[in-house]
Amino acid sequence: DHDTIIDATKCGNLARFINHCCTPNCYA
C-alpha cells in the first residue's frame, strides 16, 4: 500500500522468482 513494501531480496520465499508477463496466468 502507500506506506508498506515487502522486501524479499535477502529473506523472501520462492514467490520472488515469479516473472512479469503482459498476458499472465496469475494475479497478485
PDB file of all heavy atoms in Angstrom:
ATOM      1  N   ASP A   1       0.858  -1.178   0.000  1.00  0.00           N
ATOM      2  CA  ASP A   1       0.000   0.000   0.000  1.00  0.00           C
ATOM      3  C   ASP A   1       0.897   1.232   0.000  1.00  0.00           C
ATOM      4  O   ASP A   1       2.117   1.121  -0.190  1.00  0.00           O
ATOM      5  CB  ASP A   1      -0.979  -0.019   1.183  1.00  0.00           C
ATOM      6  CG  ASP A   1      -0.298  -0.092   2.543  1.00  0.00           C
ATOM      7  OD1 ASP A   1       0.860   0.380   2.678  1.00  0.00           O
ATOM      8  OD2 ASP A   1      -0.903  -0.620   3.481  1.00  0.00           O
ATOM      9  N   HIS A   2       0.322   2.391   0.251  1.00  0.00           N
ATOM     10  CA  HIS A   2       1.073   3.654   0.212  1.00  0.00           C
ATOM     11  C   HIS A   2       2.258   3.647   1.180  1.00  0.00           C
ATOM     12  O   HIS A   2       3.307   4.216   0.885  1.00  0.00           O
ATOM     13  CB  HIS A   2       0.130   4.832   0.519  1.00  0.00           C
ATOM     14  CG  HIS A   2       0.807   6.152   0.481  1.00  0.00           C
ATOM     15  ND1 HIS A   2       1.244   6.728  -0.702  1.00  0.00           N
ATOM     16  CD2 HIS A   2       1.159   7.005   1.474  1.00  0.00           C
ATOM     17  CE1 HIS A   2       1.828   7.877  -0.419  1.00  0.00           C
ATOM     18  NE2 HIS A   2       1.781   8.080   0.874  1.00  0.00           N
ATOM     19  N   ASP A   3       2.112   3.003   2.325  1.00  0.00           N
ATOM     20  CA  ASP A   3       3.127   3.048   3.376  1.00  0.00           C
ATOM     21  C   ASP A   3       4.006   1.815   3.482  1.00  0.00           C
ATOM     22  O   ASP A   3       5.076   1.874   4.074  1.00  0.00           O
ATOM     23  CB  ASP A   3       2.446   3.237   4.749  1.00  0.00           C
ATOM     24  CG  ASP A   3       1.604   4.502   4.802  1.00  0.00           C
ATOM     25  OD1 ASP A   3       2.071   5.535   4.313  1.00  0.00           O
ATOM     26  OD2 ASP A   3       0.476   4.431   5.317  1.00  0.00           O
ATOM     27  N   THR A   4       3.577   0.697   2.955  1.00  0.00           N
ATOM     28  CA  THR A   4       4.245  -0.580   3.224  1.00  0.00           C
ATOM     29  C   THR A   4       4.740  -1.257   1.954  1.00  0.00           C
ATOM     30  O   THR A   4       4.030  -1.319   0.955  1.00  0.00           O
ATOM     31  CB  THR A   4       3.282  -1.540   3.948  1.00  0.00           C
ATOM     32  OG1 THR A   4       2.703  -0.862   5.067  1.00  0.00           O
ATOM     33  CG2 THR A   4       4.008  -2.780   4.440  1.00  0.00           C
ATOM     34  N   ILE A   5       5.959  -1.782   2.041  1.00  0.00           N
ATOM     35  CA  ILE A   5       6.577  -2.538   0.953  1.00  0.00           C
ATOM     36  C   ILE A   5       7.114  -3.829   1.550  1.00  0.00           C
ATOM     37  O   ILE A   5       7.628  -3.830   2.672  1.00  0.00           O
ATOM     38  CB  ILE A   5       7.712  -1.715   0.308  1.00  0.00           C
ATOM     39  CG1 ILE A   5       7.107  -0.498  -0.399  1.00  0.00           C
ATOM     40  CG2 ILE A   5       8.532  -2.558  -0.659  1.00  0.00           C
ATOM     41  CD1 ILE A   5       8.083   0.566  -0.743  1.00  0.00           C
ATOM     42  N   ILE A   6       6.986  -4.926   0.815  1.00  0.00           N
ATOM     43  CA  ILE A   6       7.589  -6.185   1.244  1.00  0.00           C
ATOM     44  C   ILE A   6       8.900  -6.352   0.484  1.00  0.00           C
ATOM     45  O   ILE A   6       8.916  -6.318  -0.743  1.00  0.00           O
ATOM     46  CB  ILE A   6       6.653  -7.389   0.992  1.00  0.00           C
ATOM     47  CG1 ILE A   6       5.404  -7.282   1.864  1.00  0.00           C
ATOM     48  CG2 ILE A   6       7.389  -8.701   1.275  1.00  0.00           C
ATOM     49  CD1 ILE A   6       4.391  -8.382   1.646  1.00  0.00           C
ATOM     50  N   ASP A   7       9.992  -6.499   1.237  1.00  0.00           N
ATOM     51  CA  ASP A   7      11.314  -6.694   0.648  1.00  0.00           C
ATOM     52  C   ASP A   7      11.691  -8.163   0.790  1.00  0.00           C
ATOM     53  O   ASP A   7      11.940  -8.657   1.881  1.00  0.00           O
ATOM     54  CB  ASP A   7      12.350  -5.811   1.355  1.00  0.00           C
ATOM     55  CG  ASP A   7      13.740  -5.935   0.748  1.00  0.00           C
ATOM     56  OD1 ASP A   7      13.915  -6.703  -0.214  1.00  0.00           O
ATOM     57  OD2 ASP A   7      14.655  -5.260   1.255  1.00  0.00           O
ATOM     58  N   ALA A   8      11.730  -8.854  -0.349  1.00  0.00           N
ATOM     59  CA  ALA A   8      12.083 -10.283  -0.362  1.00  0.00           C
ATOM     60  C   ALA A   8      13.492 -10.496  -0.923  1.00  0.00           C
ATOM     61  O   ALA A   8      13.859 -11.617  -1.246  1.00  0.00           O
ATOM     62  CB  ALA A   8      11.060 -11.059  -1.189  1.00  0.00           C
ATOM     63  N   THR A   9      14.272  -9.412  -1.023  1.00  0.00           N
ATOM     64  CA  THR A   9      15.591  -9.504  -1.640  1.00  0.00           C
ATOM     65  C   THR A   9      16.514 -10.473  -0.913  1.00  0.00           C
ATOM     66  O   THR A   9      17.148 -11.322  -1.533  1.00  0.00           O
ATOM     67  CB  THR A   9      16.247  -8.109  -1.721  1.00  0.00           C
ATOM     68  OG1 THR A   9      15.346  -7.220  -2.387  1.00  0.00           O
ATOM     69  CG2 THR A   9      17.566  -8.163  -2.477  1.00  0.00           C
ATOM     70  N   LYS A  10      16.587 -10.357   0.405  1.00  0.00           N
ATOM     71  CA  LYS A  10      17.523 -11.205   1.160  1.00  0.00           C
ATOM     72  C   LYS A  10      16.825 -12.233   2.043  1.00  0.00           C
ATOM     73  O   LYS A  10      17.470 -13.151   2.527  1.00  0.00           O
ATOM     74  CB  LYS A  10      18.444 -10.329   2.008  1.00  0.00           C
ATOM     75  CG  LYS A  10      19.404  -9.511   1.152  1.00  0.00           C
ATOM     76  CD  LYS A  10      20.435  -8.812   1.985  1.00  0.00           C
ATOM     77  CE  LYS A  10      21.452  -8.119   1.106  1.00  0.00           C
ATOM     78  NZ  LYS A  10      22.481  -7.426   1.886  1.00  0.00           N
ATOM     79  N   CYS A  11      15.542 -12.061   2.288  1.00  0.00           N
ATOM     80  CA  CYS A  11      14.845 -13.032   3.152  1.00  0.00           C
ATOM     81  C   CYS A  11      13.414 -13.244   2.660  1.00  0.00           C
ATOM     82  O   CYS A  11      12.468 -12.990   3.366  1.00  0.00           O
ATOM     83  CB  CYS A  11      14.864 -12.574   4.608  1.00  0.00           C
ATOM     84  SG  CYS A  11      14.027 -11.015   4.887  1.00  0.00           S
ATOM     85  N   GLY A  12      13.302 -13.734   1.447  1.00  0.00           N
ATOM     86  CA  GLY A  12      11.985 -13.990   0.893  1.00  0.00           C
ATOM     87  C   GLY A  12      11.797 -15.469   0.603  1.00  0.00           C
ATOM     88  O   GLY A  12      12.619 -16.297   0.985  1.00  0.00           O
ATOM     89  N   ASN A  13      10.705 -15.776  -0.079  1.00  0.00           N
ATOM     90  CA  ASN A  13      10.443 -17.158  -0.466  1.00  0.00           C
ATOM     91  C   ASN A  13      10.476 -17.279  -1.989  1.00  0.00           C
ATOM     92  O   ASN A  13      10.884 -16.350  -2.685  1.00  0.00           O
ATOM     93  CB  ASN A  13       9.108 -17.639   0.123  1.00  0.00           C
ATOM     94  CG  ASN A  13       7.918 -16.900  -0.456  1.00  0.00           C
ATOM     95  OD1 ASN A  13       8.042 -15.901  -1.159  1.00  0.00           O
ATOM     96  ND2 ASN A  13       6.729 -17.381  -0.152  1.00  0.00           N
ATOM     97  N   LEU A  14      10.046 -18.407  -2.509  1.00  0.00           N
ATOM     98  CA  LEU A  14      10.104 -18.648  -3.946  1.00  0.00           C
ATOM     99  C   LEU A  14       9.257 -17.676  -4.771  1.00  0.00           C
ATOM    100  O   LEU A  14       9.505 -17.511  -5.962  1.00  0.00           O
ATOM    101  CB  LEU A  14       9.659 -20.084  -4.256  1.00  0.00           C
ATOM    102  CG  LEU A  14      10.607 -21.202  -3.835  1.00  0.00           C
ATOM    103  CD1 LEU A  14       9.989 -22.558  -4.162  1.00  0.00           C
ATOM    104  CD2 LEU A  14      11.963 -21.055  -4.522  1.00  0.00           C
ATOM    105  N   ALA A  15       8.288 -17.009  -4.159  1.00  0.00           N
ATOM    106  CA  ALA A  15       7.427 -16.083  -4.901  1.00  0.00           C
ATOM    107  C   ALA A  15       8.237 -14.971  -5.560  1.00  0.00           C
ATOM    108  O   ALA A  15       7.824 -14.422  -6.583  1.00  0.00           O
ATOM    109  CB  ALA A  15       6.363 -15.488  -3.981  1.00  0.00           C
ATOM    110  N   ARG A  16       9.399 -14.648  -5.012  1.00  0.00           N
ATOM    111  CA  ARG A  16      10.200 -13.562  -5.589  1.00  0.00           C
ATOM    112  C   ARG A  16      10.728 -13.914  -6.977  1.00  0.00           C
ATOM    113  O   ARG A  16      11.154 -13.040  -7.722  1.00  0.00           O
ATOM    114  CB  ARG A  16      11.342 -13.181  -4.659  1.00  0.00           C
ATOM    115  CG  ARG A  16      12.395 -14.239  -4.517  1.00  0.00           C
ATOM    116  CD  ARG A  16      13.412 -13.824  -3.493  1.00  0.00           C
ATOM    117  NE  ARG A  16      14.405 -14.881  -3.319  1.00  0.00           N
ATOM    118  CZ  ARG A  16      15.491 -14.749  -2.622  1.00  0.00           C
ATOM    119  NH1 ARG A  16      15.753 -13.616  -2.011  1.00  0.00           N
ATOM    120  NH2 ARG A  16      16.337 -15.743  -2.509  1.00  0.00           N
ATOM    121  N   PHE A  17      10.695 -15.192  -7.351  1.00  0.00           N
ATOM    122  CA  PHE A  17      11.176 -15.602  -8.668  1.00  0.00           C
ATOM    123  C   PHE A  17      10.099 -15.532  -9.754  1.00  0.00           C
ATOM    124  O   PHE A  17      10.366 -15.846 -10.915  1.00  0.00           O
ATOM    125  CB  PHE A  17      11.758 -17.015  -8.611  1.00  0.00           C
ATOM    126  CG  PHE A  17      12.990 -17.109  -7.770  1.00  0.00           C
ATOM    127  CD1 PHE A  17      12.960 -17.767  -6.550  1.00  0.00           C
ATOM    128  CD2 PHE A  17      14.177 -16.516  -8.165  1.00  0.00           C
ATOM    129  CE1 PHE A  17      14.093 -17.851  -5.753  1.00  0.00           C
ATOM    130  CE2 PHE A  17      15.314 -16.583  -7.381  1.00  0.00           C
ATOM    131  CZ  PHE A  17      15.273 -17.248  -6.166  1.00  0.00           C
ATOM    132  N   ILE A  18       8.885 -15.126  -9.406  1.00  0.00           N
ATOM    133  CA  ILE A  18       7.816 -15.038 -10.404  1.00  0.00           C
ATOM    134  C   ILE A  18       8.117 -13.876 -11.350  1.00  0.00           C
ATOM    135  O   ILE A  18       8.325 -12.747 -10.914  1.00  0.00           O
ATOM    136  CB  ILE A  18       6.432 -14.850  -9.756  1.00  0.00           C
ATOM    137  CG1 ILE A  18       6.115 -16.014  -8.812  1.00  0.00           C
ATOM    138  CG2 ILE A  18       5.353 -14.716 -10.827  1.00  0.00           C
ATOM    139  CD1 ILE A  18       4.834 -15.826  -8.016  1.00  0.00           C
ATOM    140  N   ASN A  19       8.132 -14.167 -12.637  1.00  0.00           N
ATOM    141  CA  ASN A  19       8.417 -13.154 -13.648  1.00  0.00           C
ATOM    142  C   ASN A  19       7.153 -12.428 -14.096  1.00  0.00           C
ATOM    143  O   ASN A  19       6.041 -12.952 -14.000  1.00  0.00           O
ATOM    144  CB  ASN A  19       9.091 -13.796 -14.868  1.00  0.00           C
ATOM    145  CG  ASN A  19      10.553 -14.051 -14.627  1.00  0.00           C
ATOM    146  OD1 ASN A  19      11.276 -13.165 -14.155  1.00  0.00           O
ATOM    147  ND2 ASN A  19      11.015 -15.247 -14.940  1.00  0.00           N
ATOM    148  N   HIS A  20       7.373 -11.227 -14.624  1.00  0.00           N
ATOM    149  CA  HIS A  20       6.291 -10.435 -15.219  1.00  0.00           C
ATOM    150  C   HIS A  20       5.926 -11.015 -16.577  1.00  0.00           C
ATOM    151  O   HIS A  20       6.783 -11.492 -17.321  1.00  0.00           O
ATOM    152  CB  HIS A  20       6.736  -8.979 -15.417  1.00  0.00           C
ATOM    153  CG  HIS A  20       5.835  -8.225 -16.338  1.00  0.00           C
ATOM    154  ND1 HIS A  20       4.687  -7.603 -15.906  1.00  0.00           N
ATOM    155  CD2 HIS A  20       5.893  -8.034 -17.679  1.00  0.00           C
ATOM    156  CE1 HIS A  20       4.080  -7.036 -16.947  1.00  0.00           C
ATOM    157  NE2 HIS A  20       4.801  -7.290 -18.031  1.00  0.00           N
ATOM    158  N   CYS A  21       4.646 -10.917 -16.914  1.00  0.00           N
ATOM    159  CA  CYS A  21       4.168 -11.251 -18.253  1.00  0.00           C
ATOM    160  C   CYS A  21       2.995 -10.328 -18.565  1.00  0.00           C
ATOM    161  O   CYS A  21       2.183 -10.037 -17.682  1.00  0.00           O
ATOM    162  CB  CYS A  21       3.738 -12.721 -18.328  1.00  0.00           C
ATOM    163  SG  CYS A  21       3.259 -13.232 -19.990  1.00  0.00           S
ATOM    164  N   CYS A  22       2.918  -9.865 -19.813  1.00  0.00           N
ATOM    165  CA  CYS A  22       1.815  -8.996 -20.211  1.00  0.00           C
ATOM    166  C   CYS A  22       0.498  -9.760 -20.344  1.00  0.00           C
ATOM    167  O   CYS A  22      -0.577  -9.160 -20.297  1.00  0.00           O
ATOM    168  CB  CYS A  22       2.159  -8.289 -21.520  1.00  0.00           C
ATOM    169  SG  CYS A  22       3.538  -7.131 -21.357  1.00  0.00           S
ATOM    170  N   THR A  23       0.583 -11.079 -20.523  1.00  0.00           N
ATOM    171  CA  THR A  23      -0.608 -11.947 -20.510  1.00  0.00           C
ATOM    172  C   THR A  23      -0.370 -13.030 -19.455  1.00  0.00           C
ATOM    173  O   THR A  23      -0.103 -14.186 -19.782  1.00  0.00           O
ATOM    174  CB  THR A  23      -0.879 -12.567 -21.894  1.00  0.00           C
ATOM    175  OG1 THR A  23       0.313 -13.219 -22.335  1.00  0.00           O
ATOM    176  CG2 THR A  23      -1.305 -11.527 -22.907  1.00  0.00           C
ATOM    177  N   PRO A  24      -0.453 -12.660 -18.179  1.00  0.00           N
ATOM    178  CA  PRO A  24      -0.092 -13.567 -17.091  1.00  0.00           C
ATOM    179  C   PRO A  24      -1.142 -14.635 -16.819  1.00  0.00           C
ATOM    180  O   PRO A  24      -2.305 -14.496 -17.194  1.00  0.00           O
ATOM    181  CB  PRO A  24       0.022 -12.622 -15.895  1.00  0.00           C
ATOM    182  CG  PRO A  24      -0.973 -11.546 -16.187  1.00  0.00           C
ATOM    183  CD  PRO A  24      -0.915 -11.356 -17.688  1.00  0.00           C
ATOM    184  N   ASN A  25      -0.691 -15.698 -16.120  1.00  0.00           N
ATOM    185  CA  ASN A  25      -1.634 -16.743 -15.707  1.00  0.00           C
ATOM    186  C   ASN A  25      -2.029 -16.586 -14.239  1.00  0.00           C
ATOM    187  O   ASN A  25      -2.825 -17.364 -13.729  1.00  0.00           O
ATOM    188  CB  ASN A  25      -1.074 -18.148 -15.989  1.00  0.00           C
ATOM    189  CG  ASN A  25       0.286 -18.382 -15.364  1.00  0.00           C
ATOM    190  OD1 ASN A  25       0.714 -17.669 -14.456  1.00  0.00           O
ATOM    191  ND2 ASN A  25       1.000 -19.387 -15.865  1.00  0.00           N
ATOM    192  N   CYS A  26      -1.480 -15.560 -13.572  1.00  0.00           N
ATOM    193  CA  CYS A  26      -1.798 -15.295 -12.167  1.00  0.00           C
ATOM    194  C   CYS A  26      -1.960 -13.801 -11.932  1.00  0.00           C
ATOM    195  O   CYS A  26      -1.636 -12.983 -12.794  1.00  0.00           O
ATOM    196  CB  CYS A  26      -0.675 -15.816 -11.255  1.00  0.00           C
ATOM    197  SG  CYS A  26      -0.536 -17.608 -11.210  1.00  0.00           S
ATOM    198  N   TYR A  27      -2.448 -13.463 -10.746  1.00  0.00           N
ATOM    199  CA  TYR A  27      -2.540 -12.062 -10.328  1.00  0.00           C
ATOM    200  C   TYR A  27      -2.212 -11.978  -8.847  1.00  0.00           C
ATOM    201  O   TYR A  27      -2.341 -12.953  -8.108  1.00  0.00           O
ATOM    202  CB  TYR A  27      -3.926 -11.480 -10.622  1.00  0.00           C
ATOM    203  CG  TYR A  27      -5.063 -12.124  -9.861  1.00  0.00           C
ATOM    204  CD1 TYR A  27      -5.515 -11.598  -8.657  1.00  0.00           C
ATOM    205  CD2 TYR A  27      -5.693 -13.271 -10.344  1.00  0.00           C
ATOM    206  CE1 TYR A  27      -6.563 -12.191  -7.959  1.00  0.00           C
ATOM    207  CE2 TYR A  27      -6.731 -13.876  -9.661  1.00  0.00           C
ATOM    208  CZ  TYR A  27      -7.160 -13.330  -8.469  1.00  0.00           C
ATOM    209  OH  TYR A  27      -8.188 -13.919  -7.770  1.00  0.00           O
ATOM    210  N   ALA A  28      -1.769 -10.807  -8.442  1.00  0.00           N
ATOM    211  CA  ALA A  28      -1.441 -10.560  -7.035  1.00  0.00           C
ATOM    212  C   ALA A  28      -2.593  -9.821  -6.379  1.00  0.00           C
ATOM    213  O   ALA A  28      -3.213  -8.945  -6.987  1.00  0.00           O
ATOM    214  CB  ALA A  28      -0.169  -9.734  -6.941  1.00  0.00           C
TER     215      ALA A  28
END
